[in-house]
Amino acid sequence: MLKRFFAGICLLLGVGLLLGGCSGKSCKDTFISAYNDSLQFISGFSLTSDNDLAGTRQKGEDNYTGSYQADYLDFTDQEILFGGTGLERETGNQLTVTFSLQVDSGEGGLYWLNKEGPHPLQQGSGSGTLQIQLSDGDNYLVSAGKGWTGSISLTVS
């Protein structure tokens, strides 16, 4: 399955190069850009679908930005809210995350997941504003709970 995925990516990139008509350094740039665009497109499928979310997500200019609000009742799961996989984001690699979490019972939190693993942003009740520097590869904002009753409100810009 994974081999087919990578074969499809390579085929897509190859066709993009042939159709793009590149030479020299611009060929390399075209290849990298096509690869990045393919990664960004495919990684959108990693986000939790709107139908499966406990709350309401409003997407921003891309899959990395927007807002989300939810009221949880005994929520035991995780929701991949925003993010993607890529080499470089078109609008820059700096994000601002403003959040408010209320945990009335159970465990709840917000974390950033990148190629190095999960990075907790908030565990339990709390609010704040954080700056996140995206790295190349995976970058996802995830809400996770275990028996979480409470709420979450966040904006990513």
N, C-alpha and C. Protein backbone atom coordinates (compact mmCIF):
# COMPACT_ATOMS: atom_id res chain seq x y z
N MET A 1 0.83 -1.19 0.00
CA MET A 1 0.00 0.00 0.00
C MET A 1 0.88 1.26 0.00
N LEU A 2 1.89 1.25 0.87
CA LEU A 2 2.78 2.40 0.96
C LEU A 2 3.59 2.56 -0.33
N LYS A 3 3.98 1.43 -0.94
CA LYS A 3 4.73 1.50 -2.19
C LYS A 3 3.88 2.13 -3.29
N ARG A 4 2.61 1.78 -3.33
CA ARG A 4 1.72 2.37 -4.34
C ARG A 4 1.58 3.87 -4.13
N PHE A 5 1.49 4.27 -2.87
CA PHE A 5 1.37 5.69 -2.54
C PHE A 5 2.57 6.47 -3.08
N PHE A 6 3.77 5.97 -2.77
CA PHE A 6 4.98 6.67 -3.22
C PHE A 6 5.14 6.59 -4.73
N ALA A 7 4.74 5.48 -5.33
CA ALA A 7 4.79 5.37 -6.79
C ALA A 7 3.85 6.39 -7.43
N GLY A 8 2.68 6.57 -6.83
CA GLY A 8 1.74 7.57 -7.33
C GLY A 8 2.29 8.98 -7.22
N ILE A 9 2.95 9.28 -6.11
CA ILE A 9 3.56 10.60 -5.92
C ILE A 9 4.65 10.81 -6.98
N CYS A 10 5.49 9.82 -7.17
CA CYS A 10 6.57 9.95 -8.17
C CYS A 10 6.00 10.15 -9.57
N LEU A 11 4.95 9.41 -9.90
CA LEU A 11 4.32 9.56 -11.21
C LEU A 11 3.74 10.96 -11.36
N LEU A 12 3.07 11.43 -10.33
CA LEU A 12 2.49 12.78 -10.36
C LEU A 12 3.57 13.83 -10.55
N LEU A 13 4.66 13.68 -9.83
CA LEU A 13 5.75 14.64 -9.96
C LEU A 13 6.40 14.58 -11.34
N GLY A 14 6.57 13.37 -11.85
CA GLY A 14 7.15 13.21 -13.19
C GLY A 14 6.31 13.87 -14.26
N VAL A 15 5.01 13.66 -14.19
CA VAL A 15 4.10 14.29 -15.17
C VAL A 15 4.15 15.80 -15.02
N GLY A 16 4.20 16.27 -13.78
CA GLY A 16 4.28 17.71 -13.56
C GLY A 16 5.53 18.31 -14.17
N LEU A 17 6.64 17.61 -14.06
CA LEU A 17 7.88 18.09 -14.65
C LEU A 17 7.81 18.11 -16.17
N LEU A 18 7.27 17.06 -16.74
CA LEU A 18 7.16 17.00 -18.20
C LEU A 18 6.26 18.10 -18.73
N LEU A 19 5.15 18.32 -18.05
CA LEU A 19 4.22 19.34 -18.51
C LEU A 19 4.70 20.75 -18.20
N GLY A 20 5.53 20.87 -17.17
CA GLY A 20 6.01 22.17 -16.75
C GLY A 20 7.14 22.70 -17.61
N GLY A 21 7.80 21.86 -18.36
CA GLY A 21 8.90 22.29 -19.23
C GLY A 21 9.95 23.04 -18.45
N CYS A 22 10.86 22.33 -17.80
CA CYS A 22 11.85 23.01 -16.98
C CYS A 22 13.25 22.71 -17.47
N SER A 23 14.17 23.59 -17.07
CA SER A 23 15.57 23.38 -17.42
C SER A 23 16.43 23.96 -16.32
N GLY A 24 17.56 23.30 -16.07
CA GLY A 24 18.52 23.81 -15.10
C GLY A 24 17.94 23.94 -13.71
N LYS A 25 18.25 25.07 -13.07
CA LYS A 25 17.81 25.31 -11.70
C LYS A 25 16.30 25.39 -11.59
N SER A 26 15.65 25.94 -12.61
CA SER A 26 14.19 26.04 -12.54
C SER A 26 13.55 24.66 -12.53
N CYS A 27 14.21 23.66 -13.10
CA CYS A 27 13.70 22.29 -13.08
C CYS A 27 13.67 21.79 -11.64
N LYS A 28 14.74 22.03 -10.90
CA LYS A 28 14.80 21.63 -9.50
C LYS A 28 13.72 22.35 -8.70
N ASP A 29 13.57 23.64 -8.92
CA ASP A 29 12.55 24.41 -8.21
C ASP A 29 11.15 23.92 -8.55
N THR A 30 10.92 23.60 -9.82
CA THR A 30 9.62 23.10 -10.25
C THR A 30 9.34 21.75 -9.60
N PHE A 31 10.34 20.89 -9.54
CA PHE A 31 10.18 19.58 -8.92
C PHE A 31 9.85 19.73 -7.44
N ILE A 32 10.60 20.56 -6.73
CA ILE A 32 10.38 20.76 -5.30
C ILE A 32 9.01 21.35 -5.05
N SER A 33 8.63 22.32 -5.85
CA SER A 33 7.31 22.94 -5.70
C SER A 33 6.19 21.94 -5.95
N ALA A 34 6.33 21.12 -6.98
CA ALA A 34 5.31 20.10 -7.28
C ALA A 34 5.23 19.07 -6.17
N TYR A 35 6.37 18.67 -5.64
CA TYR A 35 6.42 17.71 -4.53
C TYR A 35 5.74 18.29 -3.30
N ASN A 36 6.06 19.54 -2.97
CA ASN A 36 5.46 20.21 -1.82
C ASN A 36 3.95 20.33 -2.00
N ASP A 37 3.50 20.73 -3.18
CA ASP A 37 2.06 20.84 -3.44
C ASP A 37 1.37 19.50 -3.29
N SER A 38 2.01 18.44 -3.75
CA SER A 38 1.44 17.09 -3.62
C SER A 38 1.32 16.69 -2.16
N LEU A 39 2.37 16.95 -1.39
CA LEU A 39 2.33 16.64 0.04
C LEU A 39 1.22 17.39 0.74
N GLN A 40 1.11 18.69 0.44
CA GLN A 40 0.07 19.51 1.07
C GLN A 40 -1.32 18.98 0.74
N PHE A 41 -1.54 18.62 -0.51
CA PHE A 41 -2.85 18.13 -0.94
C PHE A 41 -3.19 16.82 -0.23
N ILE A 42 -2.28 15.87 -0.28
CA ILE A 42 -2.54 14.55 0.30
C ILE A 42 -2.69 14.62 1.81
N SER A 43 -1.92 15.49 2.47
CA SER A 43 -1.98 15.56 3.93
C SER A 43 -3.31 16.11 4.43
N GLY A 44 -4.06 16.80 3.58
CA GLY A 44 -5.38 17.28 3.98
C GLY A 44 -6.31 16.15 4.37
N PHE A 45 -6.06 14.95 3.85
CA PHE A 45 -6.89 13.80 4.19
C PHE A 45 -6.58 13.26 5.58
N SER A 46 -5.50 13.72 6.22
CA SER A 46 -5.16 13.29 7.57
C SER A 46 -5.99 14.01 8.63
N LEU A 47 -6.55 15.16 8.27
CA LEU A 47 -7.36 15.90 9.23
C LEU A 47 -8.66 15.15 9.50
N THR A 48 -9.14 15.25 10.74
CA THR A 48 -10.44 14.67 11.07
C THR A 48 -11.49 15.36 10.22
N SER A 49 -12.35 14.59 9.59
CA SER A 49 -13.37 15.18 8.71
C SER A 49 -14.36 16.00 9.54
N ASP A 50 -14.94 17.01 8.91
CA ASP A 50 -15.91 17.87 9.60
C ASP A 50 -17.05 17.05 10.20
N ASN A 51 -17.49 16.01 9.51
CA ASN A 51 -18.59 15.17 9.99
C ASN A 51 -18.23 14.39 11.25
N ASP A 52 -16.94 14.10 11.45
CA ASP A 52 -16.50 13.31 12.59
C ASP A 52 -16.06 14.16 13.78
N LEU A 53 -16.03 15.47 13.62
CA LEU A 53 -15.63 16.35 14.72
C LEU A 53 -16.76 16.49 15.74
N ALA A 54 -16.38 16.65 17.00
CA ALA A 54 -17.37 16.89 18.05
C ALA A 54 -17.89 18.31 17.98
N GLY A 55 -17.12 19.22 17.41
CA GLY A 55 -17.50 20.62 17.35
C GLY A 55 -17.56 21.14 15.92
N THR A 56 -17.35 22.46 15.81
CA THR A 56 -17.45 23.13 14.52
C THR A 56 -16.11 23.77 14.16
N ARG A 57 -15.61 23.41 12.98
CA ARG A 57 -14.35 23.97 12.49
C ARG A 57 -14.65 24.91 11.33
N GLN A 58 -14.03 26.08 11.36
CA GLN A 58 -14.06 27.02 10.24
C GLN A 58 -12.64 27.10 9.71
N LYS A 59 -12.43 26.64 8.49
CA LYS A 59 -11.08 26.67 7.93
C LYS A 59 -10.71 28.08 7.49
N GLY A 60 -9.43 28.37 7.60
CA GLY A 60 -8.90 29.66 7.17
C GLY A 60 -8.39 29.58 5.75
N GLU A 61 -7.27 30.26 5.50
CA GLU A 61 -6.71 30.34 4.15
C GLU A 61 -6.15 29.01 3.65
N ASP A 62 -5.82 28.11 4.56
CA ASP A 62 -5.34 26.78 4.19
C ASP A 62 -5.67 25.81 5.33
N ASN A 63 -5.17 24.58 5.26
CA ASN A 63 -5.48 23.58 6.29
C ASN A 63 -4.80 23.85 7.63
N TYR A 64 -3.89 24.82 7.66
CA TYR A 64 -3.16 25.13 8.88
C TYR A 64 -3.86 26.16 9.75
N THR A 65 -4.79 26.90 9.19
CA THR A 65 -5.40 28.01 9.92
C THR A 65 -6.92 27.87 9.99
N GLY A 66 -7.50 28.58 10.96
CA GLY A 66 -8.95 28.58 11.11
C GLY A 66 -9.32 28.65 12.58
N SER A 67 -10.56 28.27 12.87
CA SER A 67 -11.03 28.28 14.26
C SER A 67 -11.81 27.00 14.53
N TYR A 68 -11.89 26.65 15.81
CA TYR A 68 -12.60 25.43 16.21
C TYR A 68 -13.21 25.66 17.59
N GLN A 69 -14.46 25.21 17.74
CA GLN A 69 -15.14 25.27 19.03
C GLN A 69 -15.91 23.98 19.23
N ALA A 70 -15.81 23.43 20.45
CA ALA A 70 -16.52 22.19 20.75
C ALA A 70 -16.86 22.13 22.23
N ASP A 71 -17.97 21.49 22.51
CA ASP A 71 -18.34 21.11 23.87
C ASP A 71 -18.24 19.59 23.92
N TYR A 72 -17.43 19.09 24.83
CA TYR A 72 -17.20 17.66 24.94
C TYR A 72 -17.99 17.08 26.12
N LEU A 73 -18.53 15.89 25.93
CA LEU A 73 -19.21 15.16 26.98
C LEU A 73 -18.63 13.75 27.01
N ASP A 74 -17.79 13.49 28.01
CA ASP A 74 -17.13 12.19 28.16
C ASP A 74 -16.38 11.81 26.87
N PHE A 75 -15.65 12.76 26.33
CA PHE A 75 -14.92 12.59 25.07
C PHE A 75 -13.64 11.80 25.30
N THR A 76 -13.52 10.66 24.63
CA THR A 76 -12.31 9.85 24.68
C THR A 76 -11.89 9.56 23.24
N ASP A 77 -11.01 10.39 22.75
CA ASP A 77 -10.57 10.27 21.36
C ASP A 77 -9.57 11.39 21.10
N GLN A 78 -9.21 11.53 19.85
CA GLN A 78 -8.41 12.68 19.43
C GLN A 78 -8.98 13.22 18.13
N GLU A 79 -8.83 14.51 17.92
CA GLU A 79 -9.28 15.17 16.70
C GLU A 79 -8.09 15.91 16.11
N ILE A 80 -7.76 15.59 14.87
CA ILE A 80 -6.69 16.30 14.17
C ILE A 80 -7.35 17.49 13.51
N LEU A 81 -7.16 18.67 14.09
CA LEU A 81 -7.95 19.85 13.74
C LEU A 81 -7.37 20.64 12.58
N PHE A 82 -6.08 20.91 12.63
CA PHE A 82 -5.44 21.74 11.61
C PHE A 82 -4.05 21.19 11.33
N GLY A 83 -3.51 21.53 10.16
CA GLY A 83 -2.14 21.16 9.86
C GLY A 83 -2.00 20.49 8.51
N GLY A 84 -0.83 19.91 8.33
CA GLY A 84 -0.53 19.24 7.08
C GLY A 84 0.91 18.77 7.05
N THR A 85 1.32 18.30 5.88
CA THR A 85 2.68 17.84 5.65
C THR A 85 3.22 18.57 4.44
N GLY A 86 4.39 19.14 4.58
CA GLY A 86 4.97 19.86 3.45
C GLY A 86 6.39 20.27 3.74
N LEU A 87 7.04 20.77 2.72
CA LEU A 87 8.39 21.28 2.87
C LEU A 87 8.38 22.72 3.35
N GLU A 88 7.45 23.49 2.82
CA GLU A 88 7.34 24.90 3.17
C GLU A 88 5.91 25.36 2.90
N ARG A 89 5.37 26.12 3.82
CA ARG A 89 4.02 26.65 3.67
C ARG A 89 4.09 27.95 2.88
N GLU A 90 3.20 28.12 1.92
CA GLU A 90 3.23 29.29 1.03
C GLU A 90 3.18 30.61 1.78
N THR A 91 2.40 30.66 2.85
CA THR A 91 2.23 31.92 3.58
C THR A 91 3.13 32.03 4.80
N GLY A 92 4.19 31.24 4.84
CA GLY A 92 5.14 31.33 5.94
C GLY A 92 4.99 30.18 6.92
N ASN A 93 6.03 29.98 7.72
CA ASN A 93 6.07 28.84 8.63
C ASN A 93 5.86 29.23 10.09
N GLN A 94 5.24 30.37 10.32
CA GLN A 94 4.95 30.82 11.68
C GLN A 94 3.43 30.85 11.88
N LEU A 95 2.95 30.22 12.94
CA LEU A 95 1.52 30.24 13.27
C LEU A 95 1.32 30.78 14.67
N THR A 96 0.18 31.43 14.88
CA THR A 96 -0.23 31.88 16.20
C THR A 96 -1.46 31.09 16.61
N VAL A 97 -1.38 30.42 17.76
CA VAL A 97 -2.48 29.61 18.26
C VAL A 97 -3.01 30.27 19.53
N THR A 98 -4.28 30.68 19.49
CA THR A 98 -4.96 31.24 20.65
C THR A 98 -6.02 30.24 21.08
N PHE A 99 -5.98 29.83 22.35
CA PHE A 99 -6.85 28.74 22.79
C PHE A 99 -7.42 28.98 24.18
N SER A 100 -8.51 28.28 24.45
CA SER A 100 -9.11 28.21 25.78
C SER A 100 -9.66 26.81 25.96
N LEU A 101 -9.19 26.12 26.97
CA LEU A 101 -9.66 24.77 27.28
C LEU A 101 -10.31 24.77 28.66
N GLN A 102 -11.44 24.13 28.76
CA GLN A 102 -12.11 23.93 30.04
C GLN A 102 -12.26 22.43 30.23
N VAL A 103 -11.68 21.91 31.29
CA VAL A 103 -11.79 20.48 31.60
C VAL A 103 -12.51 20.36 32.94
N ASP A 104 -13.80 20.02 32.87
CA ASP A 104 -14.60 19.87 34.08
C ASP A 104 -14.38 18.50 34.71
N SER A 105 -14.16 17.48 33.88
CA SER A 105 -13.84 16.15 34.38
C SER A 105 -13.07 15.40 33.31
N GLY A 106 -12.36 14.36 33.74
CA GLY A 106 -11.53 13.60 32.81
C GLY A 106 -10.24 14.34 32.50
N GLU A 107 -9.65 13.95 31.39
CA GLU A 107 -8.40 14.57 30.94
C GLU A 107 -8.60 15.15 29.55
N GLY A 108 -8.08 16.33 29.34
CA GLY A 108 -8.17 16.96 28.03
C GLY A 108 -6.96 17.82 27.77
N GLY A 109 -6.60 17.92 26.50
CA GLY A 109 -5.45 18.73 26.18
C GLY A 109 -5.33 19.03 24.70
N LEU A 110 -4.38 19.88 24.42
CA LEU A 110 -4.09 20.32 23.07
C LEU A 110 -2.60 20.12 22.85
N TYR A 111 -2.24 19.52 21.72
CA TYR A 111 -0.83 19.36 21.44
C TYR A 111 -0.53 19.55 19.96
N TRP A 112 0.74 19.84 19.68
CA TRP A 112 1.25 20.01 18.33
C TRP A 112 2.04 18.76 18.01
N LEU A 113 1.75 18.15 16.87
CA LEU A 113 2.42 16.92 16.46
C LEU A 113 3.26 17.21 15.23
N ASN A 114 4.57 16.99 15.34
CA ASN A 114 5.44 17.12 14.17
C ASN A 114 6.30 15.88 14.03
N LYS A 115 7.27 15.89 13.15
CA LYS A 115 8.06 14.69 12.88
C LYS A 115 8.84 14.21 14.10
N GLU A 116 9.04 15.08 15.07
CA GLU A 116 9.76 14.70 16.29
C GLU A 116 8.83 14.09 17.33
N GLY A 117 7.52 14.19 17.12
CA GLY A 117 6.56 13.63 18.07
C GLY A 117 5.62 14.69 18.60
N PRO A 118 4.82 14.32 19.62
CA PRO A 118 3.85 15.27 20.17
C PRO A 118 4.51 16.28 21.12
N HIS A 119 4.01 17.52 21.07
CA HIS A 119 4.48 18.59 21.94
C HIS A 119 3.26 19.19 22.64
N PRO A 120 3.07 18.92 23.94
CA PRO A 120 1.90 19.45 24.64
C PRO A 120 1.90 20.98 24.65
N LEU A 121 0.75 21.55 24.31
CA LEU A 121 0.57 23.00 24.38
C LEU A 121 -0.21 23.37 25.64
N GLN A 122 -1.20 22.52 25.99
CA GLN A 122 -1.99 22.76 27.19
C GLN A 122 -2.58 21.43 27.65
N GLN A 123 -2.38 21.10 28.91
CA GLN A 123 -3.00 19.93 29.52
C GLN A 123 -3.92 20.43 30.62
N GLY A 124 -5.19 20.08 30.56
CA GLY A 124 -6.15 20.56 31.54
C GLY A 124 -6.65 21.94 31.18
N SER A 125 -7.40 22.52 32.11
CA SER A 125 -7.99 23.84 31.87
C SER A 125 -6.91 24.91 31.74
N GLY A 126 -7.16 25.85 30.86
CA GLY A 126 -6.23 26.95 30.69
C GLY A 126 -6.46 27.66 29.38
N SER A 127 -5.80 28.79 29.23
CA SER A 127 -5.91 29.55 27.99
C SER A 127 -4.59 30.25 27.73
N GLY A 128 -4.42 30.66 26.50
CA GLY A 128 -3.19 31.35 26.16
C GLY A 128 -3.04 31.57 24.67
N THR A 129 -1.92 32.17 24.32
CA THR A 129 -1.56 32.40 22.93
C THR A 129 -0.11 31.96 22.76
N LEU A 130 0.12 31.12 21.77
CA LEU A 130 1.45 30.59 21.52
C LEU A 130 1.85 30.80 20.06
N GLN A 131 3.14 30.95 19.83
CA GLN A 131 3.69 31.01 18.48
C GLN A 131 4.29 29.63 18.19
N ILE A 132 3.99 29.11 17.01
CA ILE A 132 4.54 27.82 16.60
C ILE A 132 5.30 28.01 15.30
N GLN A 133 6.53 27.51 15.29
CA GLN A 133 7.36 27.52 14.08
C GLN A 133 7.24 26.15 13.42
N LEU A 134 6.68 26.13 12.21
CA LEU A 134 6.51 24.87 11.50
C LEU A 134 7.86 24.36 11.00
N SER A 135 8.03 23.05 11.06
CA SER A 135 9.21 22.42 10.49
C SER A 135 8.79 21.73 9.20
N ASP A 136 9.75 21.31 8.39
CA ASP A 136 9.38 20.55 7.21
C ASP A 136 8.86 19.19 7.67
N GLY A 137 7.92 18.64 6.93
CA GLY A 137 7.31 17.37 7.31
C GLY A 137 5.95 17.59 7.96
N ASP A 138 5.61 16.70 8.89
CA ASP A 138 4.30 16.74 9.54
C ASP A 138 4.19 17.88 10.54
N ASN A 139 3.04 18.54 10.55
CA ASN A 139 2.71 19.58 11.52
C ASN A 139 1.20 19.57 11.71
N TYR A 140 0.74 19.07 12.87
CA TYR A 140 -0.69 18.95 13.11
C TYR A 140 -1.04 19.45 14.51
N LEU A 141 -2.17 20.14 14.62
CA LEU A 141 -2.72 20.58 15.89
C LEU A 141 -3.81 19.60 16.28
N VAL A 142 -3.68 18.99 17.47
CA VAL A 142 -4.55 17.89 17.87
C VAL A 142 -5.17 18.17 19.23
N SER A 143 -6.47 17.92 19.32
CA SER A 143 -7.21 17.94 20.58
C SER A 143 -7.39 16.49 21.01
N ALA A 144 -7.08 16.18 22.27
CA ALA A 144 -7.18 14.79 22.74
C ALA A 144 -7.77 14.76 24.14
N GLY A 145 -8.59 13.74 24.38
CA GLY A 145 -9.19 13.61 25.69
C GLY A 145 -9.42 12.18 26.10
N LYS A 146 -9.59 12.02 27.40
CA LYS A 146 -9.92 10.72 27.99
C LYS A 146 -11.01 10.99 29.02
N GLY A 147 -12.26 10.72 28.64
CA GLY A 147 -13.38 11.02 29.52
C GLY A 147 -13.57 12.52 29.73
N TRP A 148 -13.15 13.32 28.75
CA TRP A 148 -13.16 14.79 28.86
C TRP A 148 -14.58 15.33 28.74
N THR A 149 -15.00 15.99 29.79
CA THR A 149 -16.22 16.79 29.75
C THR A 149 -15.77 18.23 29.95
N GLY A 150 -16.11 19.07 28.99
CA GLY A 150 -15.68 20.45 29.02
C GLY A 150 -15.77 21.06 27.64
N SER A 151 -14.88 21.98 27.35
CA SER A 151 -14.96 22.66 26.05
C SER A 151 -13.58 23.10 25.57
N ILE A 152 -13.54 23.41 24.29
CA ILE A 152 -12.33 23.95 23.67
C ILE A 152 -12.74 25.03 22.68
N SER A 153 -11.96 26.07 22.64
CA SER A 153 -12.13 27.13 21.66
C SER A 153 -10.73 27.54 21.22
N LEU A 154 -10.50 27.54 19.92
CA LEU A 154 -9.18 27.94 19.46
C LEU A 154 -9.23 28.60 18.10
N THR A 155 -8.24 29.43 17.88
CA THR A 155 -8.05 30.12 16.60
C THR A 155 -6.59 29.97 16.22
N VAL A 156 -6.35 29.61 14.97
CA VAL A 156 -4.99 29.48 14.45
C VAL A 156 -4.85 30.43 13.27
N SER A 157 -3.87 31.32 13.34
CA SER A 157 -3.65 32.28 12.25
C SER A 157 -2.17 32.37 11.92
